[in-house]
Amino acid sequence: MGSSTSTGAVREWHFILHADAPLTDTQSNVRDHLECFNDGRISLVEGPGTAEFWCAYEAESLTDAVGEALALFVSLPGVLVRSVELGPRELAENGMATSAVVPAPG
């Protein structure tokens, strides 16, 4: 939604995107060279058998923020996001008392 038609307040939203598998060396190399993954809005956190993208996005709604982040994965071939998490840290940062169900973007 463009700013000329916007009616909501923009705020920062925090959430975690879980990849379906750890990144391969090739995927990591591609991600390292993509500006959209290196602008401070997404941090890759890897563990044994996992890859998580910790996100902080400014948007009018949590759904808009998640949709914007998910759209970036078109630039990262073969990386599939399997779930969106709002853990205790994200709930607190979002000022939410309970977790929310976020539908898949349009």
PDB file of N, CA and C in Angstrom:
ATOM      1  N   MET A   1       0.843  -1.164   0.000  1.00  0.00           N
ATOM      2  CA  MET A   1       0.000   0.000   0.000  1.00  0.00           C
ATOM      3  C   MET A   1       0.892   1.232   0.000  1.00  0.00           C
ATOM      4  N   GLY A   2       0.673   2.130  -0.899  1.00  0.00           N
ATOM      5  CA  GLY A   2       1.470   3.347  -0.978  1.00  0.00           C
ATOM      6  C   GLY A   2       1.156   4.303   0.149  1.00  0.00           C
ATOM      7  N   SER A   3       2.080   5.181   0.440  1.00  0.00           N
ATOM      8  CA  SER A   3       1.885   6.096   1.560  1.00  0.00           C
ATOM      9  C   SER A   3       0.723   7.063   1.328  1.00  0.00           C
ATOM     10  N   SER A   4       0.375   7.341   0.072  1.00  0.00           N
ATOM     11  CA  SER A   4      -0.714   8.270  -0.196  1.00  0.00           C
ATOM     12  C   SER A   4      -2.072   7.676   0.165  1.00  0.00           C
ATOM     13  N   THR A   5      -2.194   6.341   0.226  1.00  0.00           N
ATOM     14  CA  THR A   5      -3.464   5.713   0.568  1.00  0.00           C
ATOM     15  C   THR A   5      -3.423   5.058   1.939  1.00  0.00           C
ATOM     16  N   SER A   6      -2.323   5.162   2.620  1.00  0.00           N
ATOM     17  CA  SER A   6      -2.139   4.516   3.914  1.00  0.00           C
ATOM     18  C   SER A   6      -2.939   5.230   4.994  1.00  0.00           C
ATOM     19  N   THR A   7      -3.566   4.435   5.864  1.00  0.00           N
ATOM     20  CA  THR A   7      -4.312   5.026   6.970  1.00  0.00           C
ATOM     21  C   THR A   7      -3.810   4.545   8.327  1.00  0.00           C
ATOM     22  N   GLY A   8      -3.004   3.472   8.358  1.00  0.00           N
ATOM     23  CA  GLY A   8      -2.516   2.926   9.615  1.00  0.00           C
ATOM     24  C   GLY A   8      -1.159   3.480   9.986  1.00  0.00           C
ATOM     25  N   ALA A   9      -0.822   3.271  11.242  1.00  0.00           N
ATOM     26  CA  ALA A   9       0.483   3.698  11.735  1.00  0.00           C
ATOM     27  C   ALA A   9       1.512   2.617  11.447  1.00  0.00           C
ATOM     28  N   VAL A  10       2.659   3.024  10.966  1.00  0.00           N
ATOM     29  CA  VAL A  10       3.748   2.098  10.703  1.00  0.00           C
ATOM     30  C   VAL A  10       4.513   1.893  11.998  1.00  0.00           C
ATOM     31  N   ARG A  11       4.835   0.643  12.287  1.00  0.00           N
ATOM     32  CA  ARG A  11       5.614   0.318  13.470  1.00  0.00           C
ATOM     33  C   ARG A  11       6.532  -0.852  13.147  1.00  0.00           C
ATOM     34  N   GLU A  12       7.435  -1.154  14.036  1.00  0.00           N
ATOM     35  CA  GLU A  12       8.350  -2.266  13.812  1.00  0.00           C
ATOM     36  C   GLU A  12       7.772  -3.550  14.405  1.00  0.00           C
ATOM     37  N   TRP A  13       7.815  -4.633  13.596  1.00  0.00           N
ATOM     38  CA  TRP A  13       7.314  -5.947  13.987  1.00  0.00           C
ATOM     39  C   TRP A  13       8.476  -6.928  14.035  1.00  0.00           C
ATOM     40  N   HIS A  14       8.457  -7.825  15.003  1.00  0.00           N
ATOM     41  CA  HIS A  14       9.501  -8.828  15.173  1.00  0.00           C
ATOM     42  C   HIS A  14       8.898 -10.215  15.033  1.00  0.00           C
ATOM     43  N   PHE A  15       9.593 -11.098  14.302  1.00  0.00           N
ATOM     44  CA  PHE A  15       9.129 -12.462  14.092  1.00  0.00           C
ATOM     45  C   PHE A  15      10.298 -13.294  13.576  1.00  0.00           C
ATOM     46  N   ILE A  16      10.126 -14.609  13.595  1.00  0.00           N
ATOM     47  CA  ILE A  16      11.158 -15.529  13.120  1.00  0.00           C
ATOM     48  C   ILE A  16      10.579 -16.364  11.988  1.00  0.00           C
ATOM     49  N   LEU A  17      11.316 -16.453  10.893  1.00  0.00           N
ATOM     50  CA  LEU A  17      10.963 -17.332   9.780  1.00  0.00           C
ATOM     51  C   LEU A  17      11.862 -18.562   9.865  1.00  0.00           C
ATOM     52  N   HIS A  18      11.268 -19.747   9.884  1.00  0.00           N
ATOM     53  CA  HIS A  18      12.020 -20.996   9.955  1.00  0.00           C
ATOM     54  C   HIS A  18      12.130 -21.600   8.556  1.00  0.00           C
ATOM     55  N   ALA A  19      13.346 -21.834   8.118  1.00  0.00           N
ATOM     56  CA  ALA A  19      13.565 -22.498   6.834  1.00  0.00           C
ATOM     57  C   ALA A  19      13.309 -23.984   7.016  1.00  0.00           C
ATOM     58  N   ASP A  20      12.970 -24.657   5.910  1.00  0.00           N
ATOM     59  CA  ASP A  20      12.689 -26.089   5.999  1.00  0.00           C
ATOM     60  C   ASP A  20      13.954 -26.932   6.137  1.00  0.00           C
ATOM     61  N   ALA A  21      15.126 -26.327   5.909  1.00  0.00           N
ATOM     62  CA  ALA A  21      16.400 -27.046   5.994  1.00  0.00           C
ATOM     63  C   ALA A  21      17.526 -26.030   6.183  1.00  0.00           C
ATOM     64  N   PRO A  22      18.659 -26.481   6.680  1.00  0.00           N
ATOM     65  CA  PRO A  22      19.805 -25.566   6.758  1.00  0.00           C
ATOM     66  C   PRO A  22      20.191 -25.085   5.358  1.00  0.00           C
ATOM     67  N   LEU A  23      20.785 -23.923   5.273  1.00  0.00           N
ATOM     68  CA  LEU A  23      21.242 -23.405   3.983  1.00  0.00           C
ATOM     69  C   LEU A  23      22.454 -24.195   3.512  1.00  0.00           C
ATOM     70  N   THR A  24      22.502 -24.423   2.220  1.00  0.00           N
ATOM     71  CA  THR A  24      23.681 -25.040   1.629  1.00  0.00           C
ATOM     72  C   THR A  24      24.762 -23.970   1.523  1.00  0.00           C
ATOM     73  N   ASP A  25      25.980 -24.391   1.223  1.00  0.00           N
ATOM     74  CA  ASP A  25      27.064 -23.420   1.031  1.00  0.00           C
ATOM     75  C   ASP A  25      26.727 -22.453  -0.093  1.00  0.00           C
ATOM     76  N   THR A  26      26.132 -22.957  -1.174  1.00  0.00           N
ATOM     77  CA  THR A  26      25.762 -22.107  -2.311  1.00  0.00           C
ATOM     78  C   THR A  26      24.702 -21.092  -1.902  1.00  0.00           C
ATOM     79  N   GLN A  27      23.670 -21.540  -1.173  1.00  0.00           N
ATOM     80  CA  GLN A  27      22.617 -20.630  -0.721  1.00  0.00           C
ATOM     81  C   GLN A  27      23.173 -19.571   0.228  1.00  0.00           C
ATOM     82  N   SER A  28      24.059 -19.980   1.120  1.00  0.00           N
ATOM     83  CA  SER A  28      24.685 -19.019   2.033  1.00  0.00           C
ATOM     84  C   SER A  28      25.481 -17.977   1.274  1.00  0.00           C
ATOM     85  N   ASN A  29      26.202 -18.406   0.252  1.00  0.00           N
ATOM     86  CA  ASN A  29      26.989 -17.481  -0.561  1.00  0.00           C
ATOM     87  C   ASN A  29      26.090 -16.487  -1.292  1.00  0.00           C
ATOM     88  N   VAL A  30      24.996 -16.987  -1.866  1.00  0.00           N
ATOM     89  CA  VAL A  30      24.046 -16.101  -2.550  1.00  0.00           C
ATOM     90  C   VAL A  30      23.468 -15.099  -1.552  1.00  0.00           C
ATOM     91  N   ARG A  31      23.027 -15.581  -0.390  1.00  0.00           N
ATOM     92  CA  ARG A  31      22.446 -14.701   0.635  1.00  0.00           C
ATOM     93  C   ARG A  31      23.431 -13.625   1.075  1.00  0.00           C
ATOM     94  N   ASP A  32      24.687 -14.017   1.226  1.00  0.00           N
ATOM     95  CA  ASP A  32      25.712 -13.057   1.654  1.00  0.00           C
ATOM     96  C   ASP A  32      25.880 -11.901   0.678  1.00  0.00           C
ATOM     97  N   HIS A  33      25.529 -12.118  -0.591  1.00  0.00           N
ATOM     98  CA  HIS A  33      25.728 -11.090  -1.616  1.00  0.00           C
ATOM     99  C   HIS A  33      24.441 -10.365  -2.012  1.00  0.00           C
ATOM    100  N   LEU A  34      23.342 -10.674  -1.347  1.00  0.00           N
ATOM    101  CA  LEU A  34      22.079  -9.990  -1.630  1.00  0.00           C
ATOM    102  C   LEU A  34      21.880  -8.838  -0.649  1.00  0.00           C
ATOM    103  N   GLU A  35      21.780  -7.647  -1.161  1.00  0.00           N
ATOM    104  CA  GLU A  35      21.594  -6.453  -0.329  1.00  0.00           C
ATOM    105  C   GLU A  35      20.367  -6.584   0.577  1.00  0.00           C
ATOM    106  N   CYS A  36      19.287  -7.167   0.053  1.00  0.00           N
ATOM    107  CA  CYS A  36      18.044  -7.255   0.822  1.00  0.00           C
ATOM    108  C   CYS A  36      18.178  -8.155   2.049  1.00  0.00           C
ATOM    109  N   PHE A  37      19.171  -9.021   2.093  1.00  0.00           N
ATOM    110  CA  PHE A  37      19.402  -9.859   3.261  1.00  0.00           C
ATOM    111  C   PHE A  37      20.512  -9.300   4.148  1.00  0.00           C
ATOM    112  N   ASN A  38      21.014  -8.137   3.806  1.00  0.00           N
ATOM    113  CA  ASN A  38      22.114  -7.539   4.558  1.00  0.00           C
ATOM    114  C   ASN A  38      21.843  -6.084   4.920  1.00  0.00           C
ATOM    115  N   ASP A  39      20.564  -5.731   5.041  1.00  0.00           N
ATOM    116  CA  ASP A  39      20.215  -4.342   5.366  1.00  0.00           C
ATOM    117  C   ASP A  39      19.807  -4.164   6.832  1.00  0.00           C
ATOM    118  N   GLY A  40      20.012  -5.209   7.641  1.00  0.00           N
ATOM    119  CA  GLY A  40      19.724  -5.125   9.065  1.00  0.00           C
ATOM    120  C   GLY A  40      18.331  -5.563   9.473  1.00  0.00           C
ATOM    121  N   ARG A  41      17.468  -5.900   8.515  1.00  0.00           N
ATOM    122  CA  ARG A  41      16.107  -6.311   8.865  1.00  0.00           C
ATOM    123  C   ARG A  41      15.994  -7.810   9.121  1.00  0.00           C
ATOM    124  N   ILE A  42      16.919  -8.604   8.573  1.00  0.00           N
ATOM    125  CA  ILE A  42      16.891 -10.062   8.736  1.00  0.00           C
ATOM    126  C   ILE A  42      18.260 -10.531   9.198  1.00  0.00           C
ATOM    127  N   SER A  43      18.271 -11.337  10.261  1.00  0.00           N
ATOM    128  CA  SER A  43      19.511 -11.944  10.740  1.00  0.00           C
ATOM    129  C   SER A  43      19.380 -13.455  10.637  1.00  0.00           C
ATOM    130  N   LEU A  44      20.350 -14.098  10.030  1.00  0.00           N
ATOM    131  CA  LEU A  44      20.348 -15.554   9.925  1.00  0.00           C
ATOM    132  C   LEU A  44      20.929 -16.137  11.201  1.00  0.00           C
ATOM    133  N   VAL A  45      20.191 -17.061  11.807  1.00  0.00           N
ATOM    134  CA  VAL A  45      20.657 -17.779  12.996  1.00  0.00           C
ATOM    135  C   VAL A  45      20.626 -19.259  12.641  1.00  0.00           C
ATOM    136  N   GLU A  46      21.805 -19.885  12.642  1.00  0.00           N
ATOM    137  CA  GLU A  46      21.905 -21.296  12.263  1.00  0.00           C
ATOM    138  C   GLU A  46      22.267 -22.135  13.477  1.00  0.00           C
ATOM    139  N   GLY A  47      21.729 -23.324  13.505  1.00  0.00           N
ATOM    140  CA  GLY A  47      22.036 -24.288  14.548  1.00  0.00           C
ATOM    141  C   GLY A  47      22.147 -25.653  13.909  1.00  0.00           C
ATOM    142  N   PRO A  48      22.360 -26.665  14.708  1.00  0.00           N
ATOM    143  CA  PRO A  48      22.450 -28.021  14.141  1.00  0.00           C
ATOM    144  C   PRO A  48      21.145 -28.397  13.429  1.00  0.00           C
ATOM    145  N   GLY A  49      21.201 -28.496  12.126  1.00  0.00           N
ATOM    146  CA  GLY A  49      20.040 -28.880  11.332  1.00  0.00           C
ATOM    147  C   GLY A  49      18.977 -27.816  11.161  1.00  0.00           C
ATOM    148  N   THR A  50      19.262 -26.554  11.520  1.00  0.00           N
ATOM    149  CA  THR A  50      18.246 -25.505  11.415  1.00  0.00           C
ATOM    150  C   THR A  50      18.808 -24.225  10.795  1.00  0.00           C
ATOM    151  N   ALA A  51      17.908 -23.461  10.235  1.00  0.00           N
ATOM    152  CA  ALA A  51      18.206 -22.103   9.767  1.00  0.00           C
ATOM    153  C   ALA A  51      16.985 -21.254  10.086  1.00  0.00           C
ATOM    154  N   GLU A  52      17.202 -20.208  10.865  1.00  0.00           N
ATOM    155  CA  GLU A  52      16.138 -19.283  11.230  1.00  0.00           C
ATOM    156  C   GLU A  52      16.527 -17.887  10.770  1.00  0.00           C
ATOM    157  N   PHE A  53      15.532 -17.144  10.342  1.00  0.00           N
ATOM    158  CA  PHE A  53      15.735 -15.759   9.942  1.00  0.00           C
ATOM    159  C   PHE A  53      14.976 -14.895  10.938  1.00  0.00           C
ATOM    160  N   TRP A  54      15.715 -14.215  11.822  1.00  0.00           N
ATOM    161  CA  TRP A  54      15.115 -13.332  12.814  1.00  0.00           C
ATOM    162  C   TRP A  54      14.885 -11.993  12.146  1.00  0.00           C
ATOM    163  N   CYS A  55      13.639 -11.539  12.160  1.00  0.00           N
ATOM    164  CA  CYS A  55      13.234 -10.380  11.369  1.00  0.00           C
ATOM    165  C   CYS A  55      12.719  -9.236  12.232  1.00  0.00           C
ATOM    166  N   ALA A  56      12.992  -8.017  11.774  1.00  0.00           N
ATOM    167  CA  ALA A  56      12.455  -6.791  12.360  1.00  0.00           C
ATOM    168  C   ALA A  56      12.083  -5.884  11.188  1.00  0.00           C
ATOM    169  N   TYR A  57      10.790  -5.780  10.903  1.00  0.00           N
ATOM    170  CA  TYR A  57      10.293  -5.038   9.747  1.00  0.00           C
ATOM    171  C   TYR A  57       9.322  -3.959  10.153  1.00  0.00           C
ATOM    172  N   GLU A  58       9.419  -2.816   9.497  1.00  0.00           N
ATOM    173  CA  GLU A  58       8.457  -1.751   9.698  1.00  0.00           C
ATOM    174  C   GLU A  58       7.315  -1.923   8.705  1.00  0.00           C
ATOM    175  N   ALA A  59       6.092  -1.915   9.239  1.00  0.00           N
ATOM    176  CA  ALA A  59       4.900  -2.068   8.413  1.00  0.00           C
ATOM    177  C   ALA A  59       3.691  -1.665   9.242  1.00  0.00           C
ATOM    178  N   GLU A  60       2.547  -1.549   8.573  1.00  0.00           N
ATOM    179  CA  GLU A  60       1.307  -1.207   9.270  1.00  0.00           C
ATOM    180  C   GLU A  60       0.781  -2.381  10.087  1.00  0.00           C
ATOM    181  N   SER A  61       1.044  -3.611   9.630  1.00  0.00           N
ATOM    182  CA  SER A  61       0.535  -4.785  10.339  1.00  0.00           C
ATOM    183  C   SER A  61       1.580  -5.886  10.330  1.00  0.00           C
ATOM    184  N   LEU A  62       1.411  -6.826  11.240  1.00  0.00           N
ATOM    185  CA  LEU A  62       2.297  -7.984  11.290  1.00  0.00           C
ATOM    186  C   LEU A  62       2.211  -8.771   9.987  1.00  0.00           C
ATOM    187  N   THR A  63       1.010  -8.922   9.458  1.00  0.00           N
ATOM    188  CA  THR A  63       0.828  -9.642   8.196  1.00  0.00           C
ATOM    189  C   THR A  63       1.591  -8.963   7.063  1.00  0.00           C
ATOM    190  N   ASP A  64       1.545  -7.643   6.998  1.00  0.00           N
ATOM    191  CA  ASP A  64       2.297  -6.920   5.965  1.00  0.00           C
ATOM    192  C   ASP A  64       3.794  -7.125   6.137  1.00  0.00           C
ATOM    193  N   ALA A  65       4.270  -7.101   7.373  1.00  0.00           N
ATOM    194  CA  ALA A  65       5.693  -7.278   7.644  1.00  0.00           C
ATOM    195  C   ALA A  65       6.156  -8.672   7.227  1.00  0.00           C
ATOM    196  N   VAL A  66       5.384  -9.693   7.594  1.00  0.00           N
ATOM    197  CA  VAL A  66       5.737 -11.066   7.226  1.00  0.00           C
ATOM    198  C   VAL A  66       5.711 -11.227   5.713  1.00  0.00           C
ATOM    199  N   GLY A  67       4.713 -10.672   5.063  1.00  0.00           N
ATOM    200  CA  GLY A  67       4.621 -10.762   3.602  1.00  0.00           C
ATOM    201  C   GLY A  67       5.808 -10.117   2.913  1.00  0.00           C
ATOM    202  N   GLU A  68       6.245  -8.965   3.417  1.00  0.00           N
ATOM    203  CA  GLU A  68       7.400  -8.286   2.828  1.00  0.00           C
ATOM    204  C   GLU A  68       8.664  -9.136   2.977  1.00  0.00           C
ATOM    205  N   ALA A  69       8.838  -9.728   4.150  1.00  0.00           N
ATOM    206  CA  ALA A  69      10.014 -10.572   4.381  1.00  0.00           C
ATOM    207  C   ALA A  69       9.968 -11.815   3.500  1.00  0.00           C
ATOM    208  N   LEU A  70       8.815 -12.456   3.421  1.00  0.00           N
ATOM    209  CA  LEU A  70       8.698 -13.670   2.606  1.00  0.00           C
ATOM    210  C   LEU A  70       8.975 -13.404   1.130  1.00  0.00           C
ATOM    211  N   ALA A  71       8.601 -12.239   0.658  1.00  0.00           N
ATOM    212  CA  ALA A  71       8.816 -11.895  -0.751  1.00  0.00           C
ATOM    213  C   ALA A  71      10.296 -11.900  -1.120  1.00  0.00           C
ATOM    214  N   LEU A  72      11.176 -11.673  -0.156  1.00  0.00           N
ATOM    215  CA  LEU A  72      12.618 -11.655  -0.439  1.00  0.00           C
ATOM    216  C   LEU A  72      13.163 -13.023  -0.809  1.00  0.00           C
ATOM    217  N   PHE A  73      12.492 -14.077  -0.387  1.00  0.00           N
ATOM    218  CA  PHE A  73      13.011 -15.417  -0.610  1.00  0.00           C
ATOM    219  C   PHE A  73      12.941 -15.858  -2.066  1.00  0.00           C
ATOM    220  N   VAL A  74      12.265 -15.103  -2.907  1.00  0.00           N
ATOM    221  CA  VAL A  74      12.291 -15.357  -4.352  1.00  0.00           C
ATOM    222  C   VAL A  74      13.722 -15.206  -4.862  1.00  0.00           C
ATOM    223  N   SER A  75      14.485 -14.328  -4.222  1.00  0.00           N
ATOM    224  CA  SER A  75      15.881 -14.080  -4.605  1.00  0.00           C
ATOM    225  C   SER A  75      16.840 -15.123  -4.060  1.00  0.00           C
ATOM    226  N   LEU A  76      16.348 -16.047  -3.263  1.00  0.00           N
ATOM    227  CA  LEU A  76      17.188 -17.046  -2.620  1.00  0.00           C
ATOM    228  C   LEU A  76      16.694 -18.442  -3.007  1.00  0.00           C
ATOM    229  N   PRO A  77      17.052 -18.895  -4.222  1.00  0.00           N
ATOM    230  CA  PRO A  77      16.525 -20.145  -4.774  1.00  0.00           C
ATOM    231  C   PRO A  77      16.750 -21.348  -3.858  1.00  0.00           C
ATOM    232  N   GLY A  78      15.698 -22.145  -3.734  1.00  0.00           N
ATOM    233  CA  GLY A  78      15.780 -23.387  -2.986  1.00  0.00           C
ATOM    234  C   GLY A  78      15.555 -23.253  -1.492  1.00  0.00           C
ATOM    235  N   VAL A  79      15.460 -22.041  -0.976  1.00  0.00           N
ATOM    236  CA  VAL A  79      15.207 -21.851   0.453  1.00  0.00           C
ATOM    237  C   VAL A  79      13.697 -21.683   0.633  1.00  0.00           C
ATOM    238  N   LEU A  80      13.110 -22.603   1.377  1.00  0.00           N
ATOM    239  CA  LEU A  80      11.677 -22.563   1.627  1.00  0.00           C
ATOM    240  C   LEU A  80      11.424 -22.264   3.099  1.00  0.00           C
ATOM    241  N   VAL A  81      10.523 -21.335   3.354  1.00  0.00           N
ATOM    242  CA  VAL A  81      10.144 -20.999   4.718  1.00  0.00           C
ATOM    243  C   VAL A  81       8.986 -21.909   5.102  1.00  0.00           C
ATOM    244  N   ARG A  82       9.170 -22.671   6.179  1.00  0.00           N
ATOM    245  CA  ARG A  82       8.137 -23.622   6.602  1.00  0.00           C
ATOM    246  C   ARG A  82       7.209 -23.076   7.668  1.00  0.00           C
ATOM    247  N   SER A  83       7.673 -22.061   8.434  1.00  0.00           N
ATOM    248  CA  SER A  83       6.791 -21.521   9.473  1.00  0.00           C
ATOM    249  C   SER A  83       7.238 -20.134   9.920  1.00  0.00           C
ATOM    250  N   VAL A  84       6.286 -19.441  10.538  1.00  0.00           N
ATOM    251  CA  VAL A  84       6.521 -18.125  11.139  1.00  0.00           C
ATOM    252  C   VAL A  84       6.307 -18.291  12.634  1.00  0.00           C
ATOM    253  N   GLU A  85       7.256 -17.809  13.423  1.00  0.00           N
ATOM    254  CA  GLU A  85       7.158 -17.947  14.877  1.00  0.00           C
ATOM    255  C   GLU A  85       7.134 -16.586  15.557  1.00  0.00           C
ATOM    256  N   LEU A  86       6.292 -16.501  16.570  1.00  0.00           N
ATOM    257  CA  LEU A  86       6.292 -15.372  17.497  1.00  0.00           C
ATOM    258  C   LEU A  86       6.555 -15.969  18.868  1.00  0.00           C
ATOM    259  N   GLY A  87       7.823 -16.030  19.233  1.00  0.00           N
ATOM    260  CA  GLY A  87       8.203 -16.563  20.527  1.00  0.00           C
ATOM    261  C   GLY A  87       8.036 -15.509  21.608  1.00  0.00           C
ATOM    262  N   PRO A  88       8.393 -15.865  22.839  1.00  0.00           N
ATOM    263  CA  PRO A  88       8.244 -14.915  23.954  1.00  0.00           C
ATOM    264  C   PRO A  88       8.950 -13.579  23.719  1.00  0.00           C
ATOM    265  N   ARG A  89      10.154 -13.612  23.143  1.00  0.00           N
ATOM    266  CA  ARG A  89      10.887 -12.365  22.875  1.00  0.00           C
ATOM    267  C   ARG A  89      10.134 -11.509  21.860  1.00  0.00           C
ATOM    268  N   GLU A  90       9.656 -12.141  20.777  1.00  0.00           N
ATOM    269  CA  GLU A  90       8.949 -11.399  19.725  1.00  0.00           C
ATOM    270  C   GLU A  90       7.616 -10.853  20.242  1.00  0.00           C
ATOM    271  N   LEU A  91       6.913 -11.659  21.052  1.00  0.00           N
ATOM    272  CA  LEU A  91       5.654 -11.175  21.626  1.00  0.00           C
ATOM    273  C   LEU A  91       5.891  -9.928  22.465  1.00  0.00           C
ATOM    274  N   ALA A  92       6.934  -9.975  23.290  1.00  0.00           N
ATOM    275  CA  ALA A  92       7.249  -8.821  24.139  1.00  0.00           C
ATOM    276  C   ALA A  92       7.626  -7.614  23.297  1.00  0.00           C
ATOM    277  N   GLU A  93       8.467  -7.808  22.282  1.00  0.00           N
ATOM    278  CA  GLU A  93       8.897  -6.691  21.436  1.00  0.00           C
ATOM    279  C   GLU A  93       7.742  -6.119  20.624  1.00  0.00           C
ATOM    280  N   ASN A  94       6.770  -6.970  20.266  1.00  0.00           N
ATOM    281  CA  ASN A  94       5.607  -6.514  19.509  1.00  0.00           C
ATOM    282  C   ASN A  94       4.526  -5.931  20.413  1.00  0.00           C
ATOM    283  N   GLY A  95       4.709  -6.042  21.730  1.00  0.00           N
ATOM    284  CA  GLY A  95       3.698  -5.554  22.661  1.00  0.00           C
ATOM    285  C   GLY A  95       2.432  -6.387  22.625  1.00  0.00           C
ATOM    286  N   MET A  96       2.591  -7.696  22.402  1.00  0.00           N
ATOM    287  CA  MET A  96       1.454  -8.603  22.285  1.00  0.00           C
ATOM    288  C   MET A  96       1.381  -9.494  23.512  1.00  0.00           C
ATOM    289  N   ALA A  97       0.164  -9.792  23.968  1.00  0.00           N
ATOM    290  CA  ALA A  97      -0.018 -10.652  25.125  1.00  0.00           C
ATOM    291  C   ALA A  97      -0.038 -12.124  24.733  1.00  0.00           C
ATOM    292  N   THR A  98      -0.554 -12.412  23.532  1.00  0.00           N
ATOM    293  CA  THR A  98      -0.629 -13.792  23.052  1.00  0.00           C
ATOM    294  C   THR A  98      -0.184 -13.838  21.605  1.00  0.00           C
ATOM    295  N   SER A  99       0.180 -15.024  21.177  1.00  0.00           N
ATOM    296  CA  SER A  99       0.619 -15.168  19.792  1.00  0.00           C
ATOM    297  C   SER A  99      -0.576 -15.008  18.844  1.00  0.00           C
ATOM    298  N   ALA A 100      -0.265 -14.682  17.611  1.00  0.00           N
ATOM    299  CA  ALA A 100      -1.297 -14.469  16.600  1.00  0.00           C
ATOM    300  C   ALA A 100      -1.107 -15.463  15.466  1.00  0.00           C
ATOM    301  N   VAL A 101      -2.180 -15.840  14.846  1.00  0.00           N
ATOM    302  CA  VAL A 101      -2.101 -16.674  13.657  1.00  0.00           C
ATOM    303  C   VAL A 101      -1.971 -15.737  12.469  1.00  0.00           C
ATOM    304  N   VAL A 102      -0.945 -15.969  11.660  1.00  0.00           N
ATOM    305  CA  VAL A 102      -0.712 -15.103  10.513  1.00  0.00           C
ATOM    306  C   VAL A 102      -1.006 -15.889   9.250  1.00  0.00           C
ATOM    307  N   PRO A 103      -2.044 -15.520   8.494  1.00  0.00           N
ATOM    308  CA  PRO A 103      -2.358 -16.239   7.259  1.00  0.00           C
ATOM    309  C   PRO A 103      -1.290 -15.992   6.199  1.00  0.00           C
ATOM    310  N   ALA A 104      -1.178 -16.928   5.276  1.00  0.00           N
ATOM    311  CA  ALA A 104      -0.245 -16.770   4.166  1.00  0.00           C
ATOM    312  C   ALA A 104      -0.628 -15.533   3.361  1.00  0.00           C
ATOM    313  N   PRO A 105       0.369 -14.718   2.970  1.00  0.00           N
ATOM    314  CA  PRO A 105       0.069 -13.520   2.178  1.00  0.00           C
ATOM    315  C   PRO A 105      -0.577 -13.885   0.845  1.00  0.00           C
ATOM    316  N   GLY A 106      -1.505 -13.033   0.417  1.00  0.00           N
ATOM    317  CA  GLY A 106      -2.257 -13.136  -0.813  1.00  0.00           C
ATOM    318  C   GLY A 106      -1.655 -13.948  -1.824  1.00  0.00           C
TER     319      GLY A 106
END
